[in-house]
PDB file of N, CA and C in Angstrom:
ATOM      1  N   MET A   1     -28.911  27.999  96.967  1.00  0.00           N
ATOM      2  CA  MET A   1     -27.513  27.710  96.748  1.00  0.00           C
ATOM      3  C   MET A   1     -27.042  28.563  95.571  1.00  0.00           C
ATOM      4  N   LEU A   2     -25.969  29.289  95.770  1.00  0.00           N
ATOM      5  CA  LEU A   2     -25.363  30.078  94.699  1.00  0.00           C
ATOM      6  C   LEU A   2     -24.229  29.265  94.098  1.00  0.00           C
ATOM      7  N   GLU A   3     -24.133  29.269  92.775  1.00  0.00           N
ATOM      8  CA  GLU A   3     -23.087  28.518  92.086  1.00  0.00           C
ATOM      9  C   GLU A   3     -22.442  29.402  91.033  1.00  0.00           C
ATOM     10  N   THR A   4     -21.176  29.146  90.762  1.00  0.00           N
ATOM     11  CA  THR A   4     -20.487  29.858  89.694  1.00  0.00           C
ATOM     12  C   THR A   4     -20.152  28.876  88.572  1.00  0.00           C
ATOM     13  N   ALA A   5     -19.901  29.429  87.391  1.00  0.00           N
ATOM     14  CA  ALA A   5     -19.539  28.597  86.247  1.00  0.00           C
ATOM     15  C   ALA A   5     -18.189  27.926  86.458  1.00  0.00           C
ATOM     16  N   SER A   6     -17.384  28.463  87.369  1.00  0.00           N
ATOM     17  CA  SER A   6     -16.071  27.872  87.628  1.00  0.00           C
ATOM     18  C   SER A   6     -16.141  26.682  88.577  1.00  0.00           C
ATOM     19  N   GLY A   7     -17.357  26.306  89.017  1.00  0.00           N
ATOM     20  CA  GLY A   7     -17.524  25.093  89.788  1.00  0.00           C
ATOM     21  C   GLY A   7     -17.455  25.234  91.297  1.00  0.00           C
ATOM     22  N   PHE A   8     -17.952  26.355  91.830  1.00  0.00           N
ATOM     23  CA  PHE A   8     -17.991  26.545  93.279  1.00  0.00           C
ATOM     24  C   PHE A   8     -19.407  26.879  93.707  1.00  0.00           C
ATOM     25  N   GLU A   9     -19.735  26.578  94.973  1.00  0.00           N
ATOM     26  CA  GLU A   9     -21.069  26.846  95.481  1.00  0.00           C
ATOM     27  C   GLU A   9     -21.005  27.407  96.897  1.00  0.00           C
ATOM     28  N   LEU A  10     -22.084  28.086  97.278  1.00  0.00           N
ATOM     29  CA  LEU A  10     -22.200  28.658  98.613  1.00  0.00           C
ATOM     30  C   LEU A  10     -23.678  28.797  98.944  1.00  0.00           C
ATOM     31  N   PRO A  11     -24.109  28.313 100.107  1.00  0.00           N
ATOM     32  CA  PRO A  11     -25.496  28.572 100.499  1.00  0.00           C
ATOM     33  C   PRO A  11     -25.730  30.086 100.581  1.00  0.00           C
ATOM     34  N   ALA A  12     -26.778  30.553  99.947  1.00  0.00           N
ATOM     35  CA  ALA A  12     -27.041  31.992  99.875  1.00  0.00           C
ATOM     36  C   ALA A  12     -27.172  32.617 101.251  1.00  0.00           C
ATOM     37  N   GLY A  13     -27.651  31.875 102.208  1.00  0.00           N
ATOM     38  CA  GLY A  13     -27.830  32.405 103.554  1.00  0.00           C
ATOM     39  C   GLY A  13     -26.539  32.824 104.217  1.00  0.00           C
ATOM     40  N   LEU A  14     -25.409  32.293 103.771  1.00  0.00           N
ATOM     41  CA  LEU A  14     -24.130  32.653 104.380  1.00  0.00           C
ATOM     42  C   LEU A  14     -23.680  34.057 103.995  1.00  0.00           C
ATOM     43  N   LEU A  15     -24.303  34.657 102.986  1.00  0.00           N
ATOM     44  CA  LEU A  15     -23.981  36.031 102.630  1.00  0.00           C
ATOM     45  C   LEU A  15     -24.782  37.027 103.468  1.00  0.00           C
ATOM     46  N   VAL A  16     -25.784  36.524 104.192  1.00  0.00           N
ATOM     47  CA  VAL A  16     -26.572  37.366 105.100  1.00  0.00           C
ATOM     48  C   VAL A  16     -25.776  37.508 106.401  1.00  0.00           C
ATOM     49  N   PRO A  17     -25.625  38.725 106.923  1.00  0.00           N
ATOM     50  CA  PRO A  17     -24.898  38.892 108.188  1.00  0.00           C
ATOM     51  C   PRO A  17     -25.509  38.032 109.294  1.00  0.00           C
ATOM     52  N   LYS A  18     -24.655  37.506 110.161  1.00  0.00           N
ATOM     53  CA  LYS A  18     -25.126  36.595 111.217  1.00  0.00           C
ATOM     54  C   LYS A  18     -26.216  37.212 112.076  1.00  0.00           C
ATOM     55  N   ASP A  19     -26.106  38.485 112.365  1.00  0.00           N
ATOM     56  CA  ASP A  19     -27.114  39.114 113.224  1.00  0.00           C
ATOM     57  C   ASP A  19     -28.450  39.335 112.514  1.00  0.00           C
ATOM     58  N   LYS A  20     -28.504  39.135 111.212  1.00  0.00           N
ATOM     59  CA  LYS A  20     -29.744  39.288 110.440  1.00  0.00           C
ATOM     60  C   LYS A  20     -30.394  37.944 110.108  1.00  0.00           C
ATOM     61  N   ARG A  21     -29.705  36.850 110.391  1.00  0.00           N
ATOM     62  CA  ARG A  21     -30.242  35.516 110.096  1.00  0.00           C
ATOM     63  C   ARG A  21     -31.228  35.092 111.182  1.00  0.00           C
ATOM     64  N   PRO A  22     -32.293  34.379 110.785  1.00  0.00           N
ATOM     65  CA  PRO A  22     -33.209  33.870 111.809  1.00  0.00           C
ATOM     66  C   PRO A  22     -32.536  32.764 112.617  1.00  0.00           C
ATOM     67  N   SER A  23     -32.902  32.667 113.874  1.00  0.00           N
ATOM     68  CA  SER A  23     -32.352  31.577 114.683  1.00  0.00           C
ATOM     69  C   SER A  23     -32.950  30.263 114.208  1.00  0.00           C
ATOM     70  N   ARG A  24     -32.351  29.161 114.612  1.00  0.00           N
ATOM     71  CA  ARG A  24     -32.877  27.856 114.209  1.00  0.00           C
ATOM     72  C   ARG A  24     -34.301  27.661 114.712  1.00  0.00           C
ATOM     73  N   LYS A  25     -34.575  28.139 115.930  1.00  0.00           N
ATOM     74  CA  LYS A  25     -35.926  28.017 116.482  1.00  0.00           C
ATOM     75  C   LYS A  25     -36.920  28.798 115.650  1.00  0.00           C
ATOM     76  N   GLU A  26     -36.545  30.004 115.242  1.00  0.00           N
ATOM     77  CA  GLU A  26     -37.429  30.824 114.413  1.00  0.00           C
ATOM     78  C   GLU A  26     -37.689  30.149 113.076  1.00  0.00           C
ATOM     79  N   GLY A  27     -36.657  29.560 112.499  1.00  0.00           N
ATOM     80  CA  GLY A  27     -36.796  28.896 111.210  1.00  0.00           C
ATOM     81  C   GLY A  27     -37.726  27.696 111.262  1.00  0.00           C
ATOM     82  N   LYS A  28     -37.687  26.955 112.350  1.00  0.00           N
ATOM     83  CA  LYS A  28     -38.540  25.784 112.483  1.00  0.00           C
ATOM     84  C   LYS A  28     -39.984  26.168 112.767  1.00  0.00           C
ATOM     85  N   LYS A  29     -40.190  27.288 113.445  1.00  0.00           N
ATOM     86  CA  LYS A  29     -41.547  27.716 113.790  1.00  0.00           C
ATOM     87  C   LYS A  29     -42.305  28.210 112.570  1.00  0.00           C
ATOM     88  N   SER A  30     -41.626  28.944 111.705  1.00  0.00           N
ATOM     89  CA  SER A  30     -42.314  29.538 110.558  1.00  0.00           C
ATOM     90  C   SER A  30     -42.281  28.575 109.369  1.00  0.00           C
ATOM     91  N   LYS A  31     -43.400  27.993 109.092  1.00  0.00           N
ATOM     92  CA  LYS A  31     -43.528  27.088 107.944  1.00  0.00           C
ATOM     93  C   LYS A  31     -43.950  27.921 106.741  1.00  0.00           C
ATOM     94  N   LYS A  32     -42.986  28.321 105.936  1.00  0.00           N
ATOM     95  CA  LYS A  32     -43.282  29.144 104.769  1.00  0.00           C
ATOM     96  C   LYS A  32     -43.528  28.261 103.556  1.00  0.00           C
ATOM     97  N   ASN A  33     -44.488  28.686 102.732  1.00  0.00           N
ATOM     98  CA  ASN A  33     -44.715  27.950 101.490  1.00  0.00           C
ATOM     99  C   ASN A  33     -43.634  28.325 100.485  1.00  0.00           C
ATOM    100  N   GLN A  34     -43.622  27.658  99.364  1.00  0.00           N
ATOM    101  CA  GLN A  34     -42.549  27.841  98.395  1.00  0.00           C
ATOM    102  C   GLN A  34     -42.464  29.277  97.890  1.00  0.00           C
ATOM    103  N   LEU A  35     -43.602  29.896  97.640  1.00  0.00           N
ATOM    104  CA  LEU A  35     -43.596  31.271  97.145  1.00  0.00           C
ATOM    105  C   LEU A  35     -43.000  32.226  98.181  1.00  0.00           C
ATOM    106  N   GLU A  36     -43.321  32.028  99.448  1.00  0.00           N
ATOM    107  CA  GLU A  36     -42.754  32.855 100.515  1.00  0.00           C
ATOM    108  C   GLU A  36     -41.249  32.631 100.640  1.00  0.00           C
ATOM    109  N   GLN A  37     -40.801  31.392 100.460  1.00  0.00           N
ATOM    110  CA  GLN A  37     -39.375  31.083 100.518  1.00  0.00           C
ATOM    111  C   GLN A  37     -38.623  31.780  99.388  1.00  0.00           C
ATOM    112  N   ILE A  38     -39.206  31.773  98.187  1.00  0.00           N
ATOM    113  CA  ILE A  38     -38.580  32.430  97.032  1.00  0.00           C
ATOM    114  C   ILE A  38     -38.524  33.940  97.251  1.00  0.00           C
ATOM    115  N   ALA A  39     -39.618  34.517  97.761  1.00  0.00           N
ATOM    116  CA  ALA A  39     -39.655  35.957  98.031  1.00  0.00           C
ATOM    117  C   ALA A  39     -38.603  36.330  99.071  1.00  0.00           C
ATOM    118  N   ASN A  40     -38.461  35.512 100.100  1.00  0.00           N
ATOM    119  CA  ASN A  40     -37.465  35.770 101.140  1.00  0.00           C
ATOM    120  C   ASN A  40     -36.047  35.676 100.570  1.00  0.00           C
ATOM    121  N   ALA A  41     -35.784  34.683  99.739  1.00  0.00           N
ATOM    122  CA  ALA A  41     -34.463  34.537  99.124  1.00  0.00           C
ATOM    123  C   ALA A  41     -34.146  35.732  98.222  1.00  0.00           C
ATOM    124  N   ALA A  42     -35.147  36.194  97.459  1.00  0.00           N
ATOM    125  CA  ALA A  42     -34.941  37.353  96.586  1.00  0.00           C
ATOM    126  C   ALA A  42     -34.679  38.610  97.406  1.00  0.00           C
ATOM    127  N   ARG A  43     -35.411  38.787  98.494  1.00  0.00           N
ATOM    128  CA  ARG A  43     -35.212  39.940  99.372  1.00  0.00           C
ATOM    129  C   ARG A  43     -33.800  39.923  99.960  1.00  0.00           C
ATOM    130  N   ASN A  44     -33.379  38.759 100.453  1.00  0.00           N
ATOM    131  CA  ASN A  44     -32.037  38.648 101.026  1.00  0.00           C
ATOM    132  C   ASN A  44     -30.963  38.913  99.980  1.00  0.00           C
ATOM    133  N   ALA A  45     -31.154  38.409  98.764  1.00  0.00           N
ATOM    134  CA  ALA A  45     -30.173  38.637  97.698  1.00  0.00           C
ATOM    135  C   ALA A  45     -30.076  40.126  97.372  1.00  0.00           C
ATOM    136  N   SER A  46     -31.219  40.804  97.289  1.00  0.00           N
ATOM    137  CA  SER A  46     -31.182  42.227  96.947  1.00  0.00           C
ATOM    138  C   SER A  46     -30.581  43.075  98.069  1.00  0.00           C
ATOM    139  N   LEU A  47     -30.708  42.608  99.321  1.00  0.00           N
ATOM    140  CA  LEU A  47     -30.160  43.355 100.454  1.00  0.00           C
ATOM    141  C   LEU A  47     -28.699  43.027 100.744  1.00  0.00           C
ATOM    142  N   TYR A  48     -28.332  41.758 100.631  1.00  0.00           N
ATOM    143  CA  TYR A  48     -27.033  41.321 101.153  1.00  0.00           C
ATOM    144  C   TYR A  48     -26.090  40.692 100.130  1.00  0.00           C
ATOM    145  N   ALA A  49     -26.554  40.461  98.917  1.00  0.00           N
ATOM    146  CA  ALA A  49     -25.693  39.794  97.937  1.00  0.00           C
ATOM    147  C   ALA A  49     -25.537  40.600  96.650  1.00  0.00           C
ATOM    148  N   THR A  50     -25.660  41.906  96.764  1.00  0.00           N
ATOM    149  CA  THR A  50     -25.531  42.728  95.558  1.00  0.00           C
ATOM    150  C   THR A  50     -24.133  42.625  94.947  1.00  0.00           C
ATOM    151  N   ASP A  51     -23.135  42.401  95.793  1.00  0.00           N
ATOM    152  CA  ASP A  51     -21.780  42.237  95.258  1.00  0.00           C
ATOM    153  C   ASP A  51     -21.709  40.992  94.377  1.00  0.00           C
ATOM    154  N   PHE A  52     -22.259  39.882  94.841  1.00  0.00           N
ATOM    155  CA  PHE A  52     -22.262  38.641  94.056  1.00  0.00           C
ATOM    156  C   PHE A  52     -23.064  38.832  92.773  1.00  0.00           C
ATOM    157  N   LEU A  53     -24.235  39.449  92.880  1.00  0.00           N
ATOM    158  CA  LEU A  53     -25.094  39.635  91.711  1.00  0.00           C
ATOM    159  C   LEU A  53     -24.472  40.551  90.666  1.00  0.00           C
ATOM    160  N   SER A  54     -23.592  41.448  91.097  1.00  0.00           N
ATOM    161  CA  SER A  54     -22.945  42.352  90.140  1.00  0.00           C
ATOM    162  C   SER A  54     -21.621  41.805  89.610  1.00  0.00           C
ATOM    163  N   GLY A  55     -21.252  40.598  90.070  1.00  0.00           N
ATOM    164  CA  GLY A  55     -20.042  39.967  89.551  1.00  0.00           C
ATOM    165  C   GLY A  55     -18.837  40.053  90.459  1.00  0.00           C
ATOM    166  N   ASP A  56     -18.955  40.711  91.603  1.00  0.00           N
ATOM    167  CA  ASP A  56     -17.855  40.800  92.560  1.00  0.00           C
ATOM    168  C   ASP A  56     -17.884  39.535  93.414  1.00  0.00           C
ATOM    169  N   LEU A  57     -16.947  38.630  93.203  1.00  0.00           N
ATOM    170  CA  LEU A  57     -16.964  37.327  93.857  1.00  0.00           C
ATOM    171  C   LEU A  57     -16.022  37.220  95.058  1.00  0.00           C
ATOM    172  N   GLU A  58     -15.512  38.329  95.547  1.00  0.00           N
ATOM    173  CA  GLU A  58     -14.535  38.281  96.643  1.00  0.00           C
ATOM    174  C   GLU A  58     -15.108  37.589  97.888  1.00  0.00           C
ATOM    175  N   ARG A  59     -16.261  38.033  98.375  1.00  0.00           N
ATOM    176  CA  ARG A  59     -16.854  37.391  99.566  1.00  0.00           C
ATOM    177  C   ARG A  59     -17.264  35.959  99.262  1.00  0.00           C
ATOM    178  N   PHE A  60     -17.817  35.733  98.074  1.00  0.00           N
ATOM    179  CA  PHE A  60     -18.219  34.386  97.670  1.00  0.00           C
ATOM    180  C   PHE A  60     -17.025  33.448  97.669  1.00  0.00           C
ATOM    181  N   ASN A  61     -15.935  33.858  97.029  1.00  0.00           N
ATOM    182  CA  ASN A  61     -14.749  33.005  96.936  1.00  0.00           C
ATOM    183  C   ASN A  61     -14.135  32.708  98.296  1.00  0.00           C
ATOM    184  N   ALA A  62     -14.251  33.645  99.229  1.00  0.00           N
ATOM    185  CA  ALA A  62     -13.678  33.448 100.560  1.00  0.00           C
ATOM    186  C   ALA A  62     -14.416  32.359 101.347  1.00  0.00           C
ATOM    187  N   GLN A  63     -15.686  32.098 101.002  1.00  0.00           N
ATOM    188  CA  GLN A  63     -16.491  31.153 101.765  1.00  0.00           C
ATOM    189  C   GLN A  63     -16.941  29.927 100.972  1.00  0.00           C
ATOM    190  N   SER A  64     -16.814  29.960  99.658  1.00  0.00           N
ATOM    191  CA  SER A  64     -17.373  28.893  98.824  1.00  0.00           C
ATOM    192  C   SER A  64     -16.542  27.616  98.862  1.00  0.00           C
ATOM    193  N   GLU A  65     -17.168  26.551  98.408  1.00  0.00           N
ATOM    194  CA  GLU A  65     -16.512  25.249  98.315  1.00  0.00           C
ATOM    195  C   GLU A  65     -16.729  24.692  96.908  1.00  0.00           C
ATOM    196  N   PRO A  66     -15.857  23.794  96.465  1.00  0.00           N
ATOM    197  CA  PRO A  66     -16.048  23.188  95.138  1.00  0.00           C
ATOM    198  C   PRO A  66     -17.363  22.420  95.079  1.00  0.00           C
ATOM    199  N   LEU A  67     -17.942  22.412  93.894  1.00  0.00           N
ATOM    200  CA  LEU A  67     -19.155  21.627  93.697  1.00  0.00           C
ATOM    201  C   LEU A  67     -18.864  20.162  93.956  1.00  0.00           C
ATOM    202  N   PRO A  68     -19.796  19.445  94.573  1.00  0.00           N
ATOM    203  CA  PRO A  68     -19.592  18.008  94.747  1.00  0.00           C
ATOM    204  C   PRO A  68     -19.611  17.323  93.370  1.00  0.00           C
ATOM    205  N   PRO A  69     -19.007  16.163  93.258  1.00  0.00           N
ATOM    206  CA  PRO A  69     -18.905  15.488  91.958  1.00  0.00           C
ATOM    207  C   PRO A  69     -20.241  15.296  91.237  1.00  0.00           C
ATOM    208  N   TYR A  70     -21.304  15.030  91.981  1.00  0.00           N
ATOM    209  CA  TYR A  70     -22.590  14.778  91.321  1.00  0.00           C
ATOM    210  C   TYR A  70     -23.188  16.035  90.701  1.00  0.00           C
ATOM    211  N   LYS A  71     -22.661  17.210  91.031  1.00  0.00           N
ATOM    212  CA  LYS A  71     -23.144  18.456  90.452  1.00  0.00           C
ATOM    213  C   LYS A  71     -22.248  18.973  89.331  1.00  0.00           C
ATOM    214  N   GLN A  72     -21.083  18.376  89.173  1.00  0.00           N
ATOM    215  CA  GLN A  72     -20.134  18.866  88.188  1.00  0.00           C
ATOM    216  C   GLN A  72     -20.549  18.447  86.784  1.00  0.00           C
ATOM    217  N   LYS A  73     -20.231  19.311  85.819  1.00  0.00           N
ATOM    218  CA  LYS A  73     -20.530  19.007  84.421  1.00  0.00           C
ATOM    219  C   LYS A  73     -19.659  17.877  83.925  1.00  0.00           C
ATOM    220  N   ILE A  74     -20.230  17.034  83.107  1.00  0.00           N
ATOM    221  CA  ILE A  74     -19.482  15.926  82.517  1.00  0.00           C
ATOM    222  C   ILE A  74     -19.020  16.361  81.143  1.00  0.00           C
ATOM    223  N   GLY A  75     -17.741  16.187  80.895  1.00  0.00           N
ATOM    224  CA  GLY A  75     -17.188  16.471  79.584  1.00  0.00           C
ATOM    225  C   GLY A  75     -16.846  17.851  79.391  1.00  0.00           C
TER     226      GLY A  75
END
């Protein structure tokens, strides 16, 4: 999940083009351990989310939603 300091979030997978995302069947078949999941997330971020990582939030803002209340900072 990607989050901004302004209080918005977006699942990181939504920045991956639809044709590059694994199908639901593929996702259920491959049981990846935590280290493999982190490596996959880092690979996807470096390939498909360089705009977000460099501070360009245009695509993020177009798809993001406000943080739910339980995730918002108090005070």
